[in-house]
Amino acid sequence: MRSKLSSILKNRWFKFSIVGAIYLPWFVVWTGNPWMLIGLPVIYDIYISKLIYRLVWRRHKERKAANRFYRKTMEWVEAIVFATVVATLIRIFLFEMYVIPTSSMEKTLLVGDYLCVSKVAYGPKMPNTPVAFPFVHHSMPLSMRRKSFSEIIRLPYERLAGFGTVQRGDAVVFNFPAGDTVLVEKQDITYYDVLRSYTAHYGELEGRAALRRDYTVISRPVDKRENYIKRCVGLPDDTLQIVNSQLIINGEPFRRIENMQYVYSVQTNGTPLNVTTLQDMGMSLDDILRPDDNGNPINGPTFYVLPLTDINAGKIGRMRNVVAIVKYGAETGNPNIFPSDTAYRWSEDNFGPLWIPRKEATVELTPVTLPLYRRIIEVYEGNKLDVTYDPQFTVTINSTHTQSYTFKMNYYFMMGDNRHNSADSRFWGFVPEDHIVGKASFVWLSLDKDREWFGGKIRWRQMFRRID
């Protein structure tokens, strides 16, 4: 019985059938790409006809047997190629690792958390620029300027079938929508924020020219834009509003996030807060000793500006040396808040109401609605848009006069759980469906950047935790 099973497993037709049965549903049916059928003759040749082996691979094996240096070198080359191919397929189709770089999702996710991001949760998104250096995102290692990809091949948006769709409340990893244009020398600041300050100072044309004189401006395709992680709070066709920091979706309050933070001002009686105590609450040194725009400390021995959860705010409020604790509230209009138009004087804590576009839904284009959806029409969906206001308001899309627009994609609204320290959809608007990368599944490693290896650097309680 054992010998019969062994002969079956060694049978070349059996091996061909098993590999073909794996290849067909994964690479042909799932991708929906008929060109992938070319792989079947290759698999047939590997296991049955062995034509390539006779013409090429046999000579390679003979040379390996005769030449020790060649054998050792090719063993390394083959191992590296195999590992690269397998890791790339896993990264594209199954999951990807991601590290939290900023505090925008605290205290749900902390700076230094290493996440597993599921690609199959919403369906893997196929690369727009498949010709790229492996295992890096948009720039070559040790370089800020050299691209790690080539745009010689640019593919349209395609997403394979997944286990589900984006749900309200999911922690989602996505390509930064406003990252299509980047200042090389200042990549931590959004290009459009800097452009607004330049045009406000110099005017429209001179501002753009001055910005290009001062910085190197580059563009990036969708799949090579920075990865962000936020919580999806608004789905396509939702109407979103924020009233006095309370998030409201379709007229109903959004569910309370357990570890959500807001900024508080804390006044003491002159005795400073204990830094170690604050660190034990989960606060980083950057949160406790933040500098202002001029490099001067905001926080001092008697006055602090701290991001706090409800629990931590209660703990600090009960400290003997604390005389006042007040939650920050952004009541006045902020010009950097989406859509950065004088007709909308929204703020981080008072925003909307805003309707989130749904695929195949149609919106009427008026002087009021156009600022909200103009970037979608022009940038995300690639139309040529012309607008005139005098003698009357007229919209022309792709040389055709129109009074409405029908959306080609679904859009989402993302917010960080650290509500007053998060650059999210309140600042740059909607996230298109073709920017969605995957769902943050769990934390597999968590390192505290403020602590030493033998001083609590590994946050054991944070590890192997499912992300809700």
Protein backbone atom coordinates (compact mmCIF):
# COMPACT_ATOMS: atom_id res chain seq x y z
CA MET A 1 0.00 0.00 0.00
CA ARG A 2 2.82 2.40 0.95
CA SER A 3 4.79 1.62 -2.22
CA LYS A 4 1.70 2.13 -4.35
CA LEU A 5 1.03 5.53 -2.74
CA SER A 6 4.67 6.47 -3.21
CA SER A 7 4.55 5.61 -6.92
CA ILE A 8 1.41 7.74 -7.33
CA LEU A 9 3.04 10.72 -5.65
CA LYS A 10 6.09 10.38 -7.91
CA ASN A 11 4.01 10.05 -11.06
CA ARG A 12 4.62 13.03 -13.37
CA TRP A 13 0.98 13.19 -14.48
CA PHE A 14 -0.15 13.29 -10.86
CA LYS A 15 2.27 16.16 -10.14
CA PHE A 16 1.12 18.03 -13.26
CA SER A 17 -2.54 17.60 -12.25
CA ILE A 18 -1.97 18.90 -8.71
CA VAL A 19 0.05 21.95 -9.80
CA GLY A 20 -2.39 22.70 -12.61
CA ALA A 21 -5.35 22.41 -10.23
CA ILE A 22 -3.70 25.02 -7.99
CA TYR A 23 -2.60 27.29 -10.84
CA LEU A 24 -5.93 27.46 -12.72
CA PRO A 25 -8.22 28.80 -9.95
CA TRP A 26 -5.56 31.12 -8.47
CA PHE A 27 -3.80 32.63 -11.47
CA VAL A 28 -6.46 32.28 -14.19
CA VAL A 29 -9.93 32.24 -12.63
CA TRP A 30 -9.23 34.54 -9.65
CA THR A 31 -7.27 37.10 -11.67
CA GLY A 32 -9.70 36.84 -14.57
CA ASN A 33 -6.75 37.21 -16.93
CA PRO A 34 -6.84 34.79 -19.92
CA TRP A 35 -3.18 35.57 -20.66
CA MET A 36 -2.29 33.59 -17.54
CA LEU A 37 -3.29 30.44 -19.44
CA ILE A 38 0.17 30.67 -20.98
CA GLY A 39 1.44 29.26 -17.71
CA LEU A 40 -0.25 25.88 -18.32
CA PRO A 41 2.05 24.88 -21.23
CA VAL A 42 5.01 25.88 -19.06
CA ILE A 43 3.77 23.64 -16.22
CA TYR A 44 3.14 20.83 -18.74
CA ASP A 45 6.72 21.14 -20.01
CA ILE A 46 8.15 21.14 -16.47
CA TYR A 47 6.44 17.87 -15.52
CA ILE A 48 5.68 16.06 -18.80
CA SER A 49 7.51 17.03 -21.99
CA LYS A 50 10.67 18.50 -20.32
CA LEU A 51 11.68 20.33 -23.53
CA ILE A 52 13.15 23.28 -21.64
CA TYR A 53 15.03 20.87 -19.41
CA ARG A 54 16.62 19.12 -22.38
CA LEU A 55 17.55 22.35 -24.17
CA VAL A 56 18.64 24.55 -21.24
CA TRP A 57 18.27 23.21 -17.72
CA ARG A 58 20.21 19.94 -18.25
CA ARG A 59 23.32 21.87 -19.34
CA HIS A 60 22.89 24.07 -16.29
CA LYS A 61 22.78 21.02 -13.99
CA GLU A 62 25.78 19.43 -15.69
CA ARG A 63 27.78 22.62 -15.25
CA LYS A 64 26.78 22.78 -11.58
CA ALA A 65 28.03 19.23 -11.10
CA ALA A 66 31.36 19.97 -12.79
CA ASN A 67 32.13 23.44 -11.44
CA ARG A 68 32.06 24.00 -7.65
CA PHE A 69 32.16 27.82 -7.84
CA TYR A 70 29.33 27.87 -10.39
CA ARG A 71 27.31 25.45 -8.25
CA LYS A 72 27.66 27.51 -5.08
CA THR A 73 26.90 30.76 -6.89
CA MET A 74 23.80 29.42 -8.63
CA GLU A 75 22.49 27.87 -5.42
CA TRP A 76 22.45 31.33 -3.90
CA VAL A 77 20.93 32.87 -7.03
CA GLU A 78 18.20 30.23 -7.23
CA ALA A 79 17.38 30.60 -3.53
CA ILE A 80 17.14 34.39 -3.80
CA VAL A 81 14.98 34.25 -6.94
CA PHE A 82 12.68 31.64 -5.39
CA ALA A 83 12.31 33.61 -2.14
CA THR A 84 11.68 36.84 -4.06
CA VAL A 85 8.98 35.29 -6.24
CA VAL A 86 7.20 33.61 -3.31
CA ALA A 87 7.38 36.70 -1.09
CA THR A 88 6.12 38.92 -3.92
CA LEU A 89 3.15 36.65 -4.61
CA ILE A 90 2.28 36.57 -0.90
CA ARG A 91 2.60 40.37 -0.71
CA ILE A 92 0.36 40.93 -3.73
CA PHE A 93 -2.31 38.29 -3.13
CA LEU A 94 -2.46 37.46 0.59
CA PHE A 95 -1.03 39.85 3.16
CA GLU A 96 1.57 42.54 3.77
CA MET A 97 3.39 43.83 6.83
CA TYR A 98 3.01 47.47 7.85
CA VAL A 99 4.47 49.52 10.70
CA ILE A 100 2.64 52.42 12.38
CA PRO A 101 4.77 55.56 11.78
CA THR A 102 2.61 58.25 13.45
CA SER A 103 0.27 58.65 16.41
CA SER A 104 -2.89 59.28 14.34
CA MET A 105 -4.53 55.99 15.46
CA GLU A 106 -3.57 56.10 19.14
CA LYS A 107 -4.44 54.61 21.49
CA THR A 108 -5.97 51.88 19.33
CA LEU A 109 -2.67 51.47 17.47
CA LEU A 110 0.64 52.80 18.75
CA VAL A 111 3.73 54.14 17.02
CA GLY A 112 5.97 51.10 16.58
CA ASP A 113 3.14 48.58 16.14
CA TYR A 114 3.85 46.08 13.35
CA LEU A 115 0.66 44.98 11.62
CA CYS A 116 -0.45 42.19 9.36
CA VAL A 117 -2.59 43.75 6.61
CA SER A 118 -4.96 41.33 4.89
CA LYS A 119 -5.21 41.74 1.11
CA VAL A 120 -7.94 39.11 0.79
CA ALA A 121 -10.29 40.89 3.20
CA TYR A 122 -11.42 43.27 0.43
CA GLY A 123 -9.74 41.51 -2.48
CA PRO A 124 -6.13 42.01 -3.63
CA LYS A 125 -5.55 45.13 -5.73
CA MET A 126 -3.37 44.38 -8.76
CA PRO A 127 -0.28 46.61 -9.15
CA ASN A 128 -0.64 49.62 -11.45
CA THR A 129 3.13 49.65 -12.00
CA PRO A 130 4.23 45.99 -12.03
CA VAL A 131 7.82 46.76 -13.10
CA ALA A 132 9.45 47.61 -9.77
CA PHE A 133 12.37 46.79 -7.49
CA PRO A 134 11.18 44.12 -5.01
CA PHE A 135 10.38 44.75 -1.33
CA VAL A 136 10.52 48.56 -1.47
CA HIS A 137 7.64 50.96 -1.95
CA HIS A 138 8.38 54.03 -4.06
CA SER A 139 12.06 54.91 -3.56
CA MET A 140 15.26 52.93 -3.84
CA PRO A 141 16.98 52.01 -0.55
CA LEU A 142 19.01 54.87 0.98
CA SER A 143 17.55 57.31 -1.55
CA MET A 144 14.72 59.86 -1.48
CA ARG A 145 14.91 60.77 -5.17
CA ARG A 146 15.51 57.57 -7.13
CA LYS A 147 12.27 55.82 -8.06
CA SER A 148 12.06 52.12 -7.30
CA PHE A 149 9.60 51.55 -10.15
CA SER A 150 9.21 52.11 -13.86
CA GLU A 151 6.09 53.44 -15.54
CA ILE A 152 6.94 51.78 -18.84
CA ILE A 153 3.94 49.54 -18.09
CA ARG A 154 0.91 51.14 -16.46
CA LEU A 155 -2.12 48.97 -15.82
CA PRO A 156 -5.68 50.11 -15.06
CA TYR A 157 -7.31 49.57 -11.68
CA GLU A 158 -8.31 45.97 -11.04
CA ARG A 159 -9.31 44.28 -7.79
CA LEU A 160 -9.78 40.54 -7.38
CA ALA A 161 -12.60 38.97 -5.40
CA GLY A 162 -12.18 39.10 -1.63
CA PHE A 163 -13.90 37.82 1.47
CA GLY A 164 -15.90 41.02 1.89
CA THR A 165 -16.04 44.78 1.43
CA VAL A 166 -14.96 47.74 3.53
CA GLN A 167 -17.22 48.07 6.56
CA ARG A 168 -17.88 51.10 8.71
CA GLY A 169 -15.44 50.97 11.62
CA ASP A 170 -12.71 48.94 9.87
CA ALA A 171 -9.07 49.94 10.32
CA VAL A 172 -8.05 50.32 6.68
CA VAL A 173 -4.66 50.70 5.00
CA PHE A 174 -4.80 52.77 1.82
CA ASN A 175 -2.64 54.77 -0.56
CA PHE A 176 -2.61 58.44 0.47
CA PRO A 177 -4.96 60.22 -1.99
CA ALA A 178 -3.15 63.56 -1.76
CA GLY A 179 0.19 61.81 -2.31
CA ASP A 180 -0.06 62.02 -6.10
CA THR A 181 2.25 65.05 -5.96
CA VAL A 182 5.21 65.16 -3.55
CA LEU A 183 7.85 67.66 -2.44
CA VAL A 184 11.02 65.56 -2.39
CA GLU A 185 12.75 67.71 0.23
CA LYS A 186 9.69 67.83 2.52
CA GLN A 187 7.79 64.57 2.12
CA ASP A 188 6.23 64.69 5.57
CA ILE A 189 4.10 67.69 4.52
CA THR A 190 1.30 67.49 1.96
CA TYR A 191 2.13 69.25 -1.29
CA TYR A 192 -1.30 70.88 -1.51
CA ASP A 193 -1.00 72.45 1.96
CA VAL A 194 2.32 74.05 0.98
CA LEU A 195 0.88 75.13 -2.38
CA ARG A 196 -2.03 76.90 -0.65
CA SER A 197 0.36 78.89 1.52
CA TYR A 198 2.46 79.86 -1.53
CA THR A 199 -0.52 80.93 -3.63
CA ALA A 200 -1.99 82.88 -0.71
CA HIS A 201 1.30 84.80 -0.42
CA TYR A 202 2.36 85.18 -4.08
CA GLY A 203 -0.84 84.61 -6.07
CA GLU A 204 -1.87 81.62 -8.18
CA LEU A 205 0.70 81.62 -11.01
CA GLU A 206 3.66 83.10 -9.14
CA GLY A 207 2.97 80.86 -6.13
CA ARG A 208 3.21 77.69 -8.22
CA ALA A 209 6.39 78.95 -9.90
CA ALA A 210 7.96 79.87 -6.54
CA LEU A 211 7.11 76.45 -5.10
CA ARG A 212 8.85 74.71 -7.99
CA ARG A 213 11.88 76.95 -7.53
CA ASP A 214 12.14 76.07 -3.85
CA TYR A 215 11.39 72.34 -4.06
CA THR A 216 11.71 69.34 -6.34
CA VAL A 217 8.15 68.36 -7.26
CA ILE A 218 7.47 64.77 -8.38
CA SER A 219 4.36 62.70 -9.06
CA ARG A 220 3.54 59.12 -8.04
CA PRO A 221 1.06 56.57 -9.41
CA VAL A 222 -1.67 55.29 -7.12
CA ASP A 223 0.07 52.11 -5.94
CA LYS A 224 3.31 53.95 -5.13
CA ARG A 225 1.81 56.62 -2.89
CA GLU A 226 2.46 56.51 0.85
CA ASN A 227 0.49 53.95 2.84
CA TYR A 228 -1.82 55.43 5.49
CA ILE A 229 -3.95 53.69 8.09
CA LYS A 230 -7.18 55.19 9.42
CA ARG A 231 -10.60 54.04 10.51
CA CYS A 232 -13.34 54.01 7.90
CA VAL A 233 -16.18 56.06 9.35
CA GLY A 234 -18.13 56.81 6.16
CA LEU A 235 -19.20 54.43 3.39
CA PRO A 236 -20.44 55.25 -0.13
CA ASP A 237 -23.85 56.98 -0.01
CA ASP A 238 -23.46 57.89 3.69
CA THR A 239 -24.02 61.44 4.89
CA LEU A 240 -21.42 62.42 7.48
CA GLN A 241 -21.39 65.28 9.98
CA ILE A 242 -19.32 66.25 13.02
CA VAL A 243 -20.98 68.43 15.64
CA ASN A 244 -18.88 69.56 18.62
CA SER A 245 -16.52 66.59 18.03
CA GLN A 246 -19.42 64.09 17.91
CA LEU A 247 -19.35 62.06 14.69
CA ILE A 248 -22.80 61.51 13.17
CA ILE A 249 -23.49 59.14 10.26
CA ASN A 250 -26.87 59.24 8.52
CA GLY A 251 -28.32 61.09 11.50
CA GLU A 252 -27.09 58.55 14.08
CA PRO A 253 -24.09 58.94 16.44
CA PHE A 254 -21.12 56.81 15.37
CA ARG A 255 -20.18 54.05 17.81
CA ARG A 256 -17.75 55.03 20.54
CA ILE A 257 -14.17 53.89 19.94
CA GLU A 258 -12.79 52.56 23.22
CA ASN A 259 -9.32 54.13 23.02
CA MET A 260 -10.18 57.26 21.04
CA GLN A 261 -8.20 60.38 22.00
CA TYR A 262 -8.79 64.13 22.04
CA VAL A 263 -6.42 66.95 22.93
CA TYR A 264 -6.73 68.49 26.41
CA SER A 265 -5.04 71.48 28.01
CA VAL A 266 -3.86 70.68 31.53
CA GLN A 267 -3.01 73.35 34.14
CA THR A 268 -1.08 72.43 37.29
CA ASN A 269 -0.45 74.34 40.52
CA GLY A 270 3.21 74.78 39.57
CA THR A 271 4.31 71.23 40.22
CA PRO A 272 5.15 69.45 36.94
CA LEU A 273 3.44 66.26 35.88
CA ASN A 274 5.46 63.10 36.39
CA VAL A 275 6.76 62.04 32.97
CA THR A 276 7.10 58.38 34.00
CA THR A 277 3.47 58.34 35.14
CA LEU A 278 2.38 59.76 31.79
CA GLN A 279 4.48 57.17 29.93
CA ASP A 280 2.85 54.43 31.98
CA MET A 281 -0.48 55.71 30.65
CA GLY A 282 0.81 54.99 27.14
CA MET A 283 1.92 58.50 26.18
CA SER A 284 5.08 58.96 24.14
CA LEU A 285 7.70 61.60 24.93
CA ASP A 286 6.71 63.40 21.71
CA ASP A 287 3.19 63.83 23.11
CA ILE A 288 4.43 65.09 26.47
CA LEU A 289 7.12 67.48 25.24
CA ARG A 290 5.86 68.71 21.88
CA PRO A 291 7.53 71.76 20.26
CA ASP A 292 5.62 74.51 18.46
CA ASP A 293 6.36 75.68 14.91
CA ASN A 294 9.33 77.71 16.15
CA GLY A 295 10.86 74.83 18.08
CA ASN A 296 9.86 76.16 21.51
CA PRO A 297 8.25 73.72 24.00
CA ILE A 298 4.46 73.96 24.14
CA ASN A 299 4.35 72.07 27.40
CA GLY A 300 5.97 73.39 30.55
CA PRO A 301 5.99 72.80 34.30
CA THR A 302 2.53 74.34 34.74
CA PHE A 303 0.79 73.98 31.36
CA TYR A 304 0.50 70.93 29.12
CA VAL A 305 -1.23 70.09 25.84
CA LEU A 306 -1.85 66.33 25.87
CA PRO A 307 -3.76 63.81 23.73
CA LEU A 308 -5.87 61.80 26.20
CA THR A 309 -8.41 59.02 26.19
CA ASP A 310 -11.46 59.47 28.45
CA ILE A 311 -9.85 57.15 31.01
CA ASN A 312 -6.51 59.01 31.03
CA ALA A 313 -8.27 62.39 31.18
CA GLY A 314 -10.09 61.16 34.30
CA LYS A 315 -6.82 59.96 35.87
CA ILE A 316 -5.04 63.26 35.24
CA GLY A 317 -8.04 65.27 36.43
CA ARG A 318 -7.82 63.48 39.79
CA MET A 319 -4.13 64.29 40.31
CA ARG A 320 -3.53 66.60 43.29
CA ASN A 321 -1.35 69.06 41.37
CA VAL A 322 -3.83 69.48 38.48
CA VAL A 323 -6.07 72.54 38.89
CA ALA A 324 -7.79 72.50 35.48
CA ILE A 325 -8.23 70.17 32.51
CA VAL A 326 -10.13 71.37 29.41
CA LYS A 327 -10.92 69.50 26.22
CA TYR A 328 -9.84 71.32 23.04
CA GLY A 329 -12.61 72.30 20.65
CA ALA A 330 -12.09 73.61 17.11
CA GLU A 331 -15.05 75.92 16.67
CA THR A 332 -13.86 78.37 14.01
CA GLY A 333 -13.31 77.64 10.32
CA ASN A 334 -9.95 76.18 9.30
CA PRO A 335 -8.76 77.01 5.74
CA ASN A 336 -6.82 73.73 5.63
CA ILE A 337 -9.96 71.68 6.23
CA PHE A 338 -11.54 70.00 3.19
CA PRO A 339 -12.59 71.32 0.73
CA SER A 340 -10.38 74.38 1.48
CA ASP A 341 -12.95 76.71 -0.05
CA THR A 342 -14.21 79.99 1.40
CA ALA A 343 -17.80 78.74 1.03
CA TYR A 344 -17.10 76.06 3.66
CA ARG A 345 -15.88 77.23 7.06
CA TRP A 346 -15.59 73.77 8.62
CA SER A 347 -13.21 72.63 11.34
CA GLU A 348 -11.93 69.36 12.83
CA ASP A 349 -14.77 69.30 15.37
CA ASN A 350 -17.56 70.88 13.32
CA PHE A 351 -17.71 69.46 9.84
CA GLY A 352 -20.36 68.77 7.21
CA PRO A 353 -22.95 67.57 6.48
CA LEU A 354 -21.15 65.86 3.59
CA TRP A 355 -22.51 63.22 1.22
CA ILE A 356 -19.99 60.49 0.28
CA PRO A 357 -20.16 59.51 -3.41
CA ARG A 358 -21.33 56.09 -4.51
CA LYS A 359 -20.49 54.41 -7.82
CA GLU A 360 -23.07 55.24 -10.53
CA ALA A 361 -24.73 57.88 -8.34
CA THR A 362 -25.25 61.30 -9.93
CA VAL A 363 -24.69 64.67 -8.29
CA GLU A 364 -25.90 68.05 -9.52
CA LEU A 365 -22.99 70.42 -10.18
CA THR A 366 -23.52 73.86 -8.67
CA PRO A 367 -21.19 76.51 -7.21
CA VAL A 368 -21.94 74.89 -3.81
CA THR A 369 -21.33 71.22 -4.69
CA LEU A 370 -18.46 71.58 -7.17
CA PRO A 371 -15.74 72.36 -4.54
CA LEU A 372 -16.66 69.10 -2.76
CA TYR A 373 -16.36 66.83 -5.78
CA ARG A 374 -14.04 68.67 -8.16
CA ARG A 375 -10.93 66.65 -7.25
CA ILE A 376 -12.84 63.41 -7.80
CA ILE A 377 -13.91 64.49 -11.27
CA GLU A 378 -10.52 65.84 -12.35
CA VAL A 379 -7.91 63.74 -10.54
CA TYR A 380 -9.38 60.44 -9.32
CA GLU A 381 -11.58 59.81 -12.37
CA GLY A 382 -9.37 61.54 -14.95
CA ASN A 383 -11.68 64.05 -16.64
CA LYS A 384 -10.89 67.43 -18.15
CA LEU A 385 -12.97 69.96 -16.24
CA ASP A 386 -13.51 73.61 -17.17
CA VAL A 387 -15.61 76.03 -15.13
CA THR A 388 -16.77 79.58 -15.86
CA TYR A 389 -18.65 81.84 -13.46
CA ASP A 390 -19.27 84.90 -15.62
CA PRO A 391 -21.77 85.67 -17.02
CA GLN A 392 -23.20 82.47 -15.55
CA PHE A 393 -21.97 79.30 -13.86
CA THR A 394 -21.06 76.74 -16.56
CA VAL A 395 -19.37 73.35 -16.22
CA THR A 396 -17.69 71.59 -19.14
CA ILE A 397 -16.43 68.01 -18.73
CA ASN A 398 -14.40 66.54 -21.59
CA SER A 399 -15.61 69.35 -23.90
CA THR A 400 -19.29 68.67 -23.10
CA HIS A 401 -21.47 71.14 -21.19
CA THR A 402 -23.19 69.45 -18.25
CA GLN A 403 -25.08 70.20 -15.07
CA SER A 404 -24.40 66.87 -13.35
CA TYR A 405 -21.81 64.15 -12.94
CA THR A 406 -22.10 60.37 -12.47
CA PHE A 407 -19.34 58.81 -10.35
CA LYS A 408 -17.30 55.88 -11.66
CA MET A 409 -16.05 54.61 -8.29
CA ASN A 410 -17.06 54.24 -4.65
CA TYR A 411 -15.53 56.60 -2.09
CA TYR A 412 -14.85 56.41 1.64
CA PHE A 413 -14.25 58.81 4.51
CA MET A 414 -11.39 57.95 6.89
CA MET A 415 -10.55 59.36 10.33
CA GLY A 416 -7.87 58.64 12.90
CA ASP A 417 -8.79 57.60 16.44
CA ASN A 418 -6.44 60.33 17.73
CA ARG A 419 -9.00 62.87 16.59
CA HIS A 420 -7.06 66.10 17.14
CA ASN A 421 -3.71 64.74 15.91
CA SER A 422 -4.70 63.02 12.69
CA ALA A 423 -4.26 64.18 9.09
CA ASP A 424 -7.28 62.41 7.63
CA SER A 425 -10.27 62.89 5.33
CA ARG A 426 -11.24 66.04 7.21
CA PHE A 427 -8.16 67.65 5.62
CA TRP A 428 -7.85 66.05 2.18
CA GLY A 429 -11.26 64.54 1.43
CA PHE A 430 -12.41 61.23 0.08
CA VAL A 431 -10.51 57.96 -0.38
CA PRO A 432 -11.28 56.33 -3.77
CA GLU A 433 -11.84 52.58 -3.88
CA ASP A 434 -8.78 52.11 -6.11
CA HIS A 435 -6.60 53.43 -3.24
CA ILE A 436 -7.73 50.77 -0.74
CA VAL A 437 -4.86 48.36 0.07
CA GLY A 438 -6.28 46.07 2.76
CA LYS A 439 -7.63 45.59 6.25
CA ALA A 440 -5.40 45.80 9.33
CA SER A 441 -5.89 42.39 10.96
CA PHE A 442 -3.65 42.06 14.01
CA VAL A 443 -0.50 43.39 15.71
CA TRP A 444 2.34 40.84 15.58
CA LEU A 445 5.06 43.02 17.16
CA SER A 446 5.04 46.28 19.16
CA LEU A 447 8.15 48.32 20.01
CA ASP A 448 8.22 51.47 22.15
CA LYS A 449 10.65 53.93 20.56
CA ASP A 450 11.14 55.79 23.88
CA ARG A 451 12.41 52.75 25.81
CA GLU A 452 15.49 50.54 25.74
CA TRP A 453 15.48 46.83 24.93
CA PHE A 454 15.86 45.84 28.57
CA GLY A 455 13.62 48.63 29.79
CA GLY A 456 10.23 47.68 28.43
CA LYS A 457 10.81 48.32 24.72
CA ILE A 458 8.67 45.35 23.71
CA ARG A 459 5.02 46.05 24.50
CA TRP A 460 3.91 42.49 25.23
CA ARG A 461 0.27 43.41 25.94
CA GLN A 462 -0.05 44.95 22.48
CA MET A 463 1.27 41.92 20.62
CA PHE A 464 -0.90 39.33 18.82
CA ARG A 465 -3.91 41.53 19.41
CA ARG A 466 -6.77 41.56 16.93
CA ILE A 467 -7.55 45.05 15.63
CA ASP A 468 -11.17 46.13 16.16
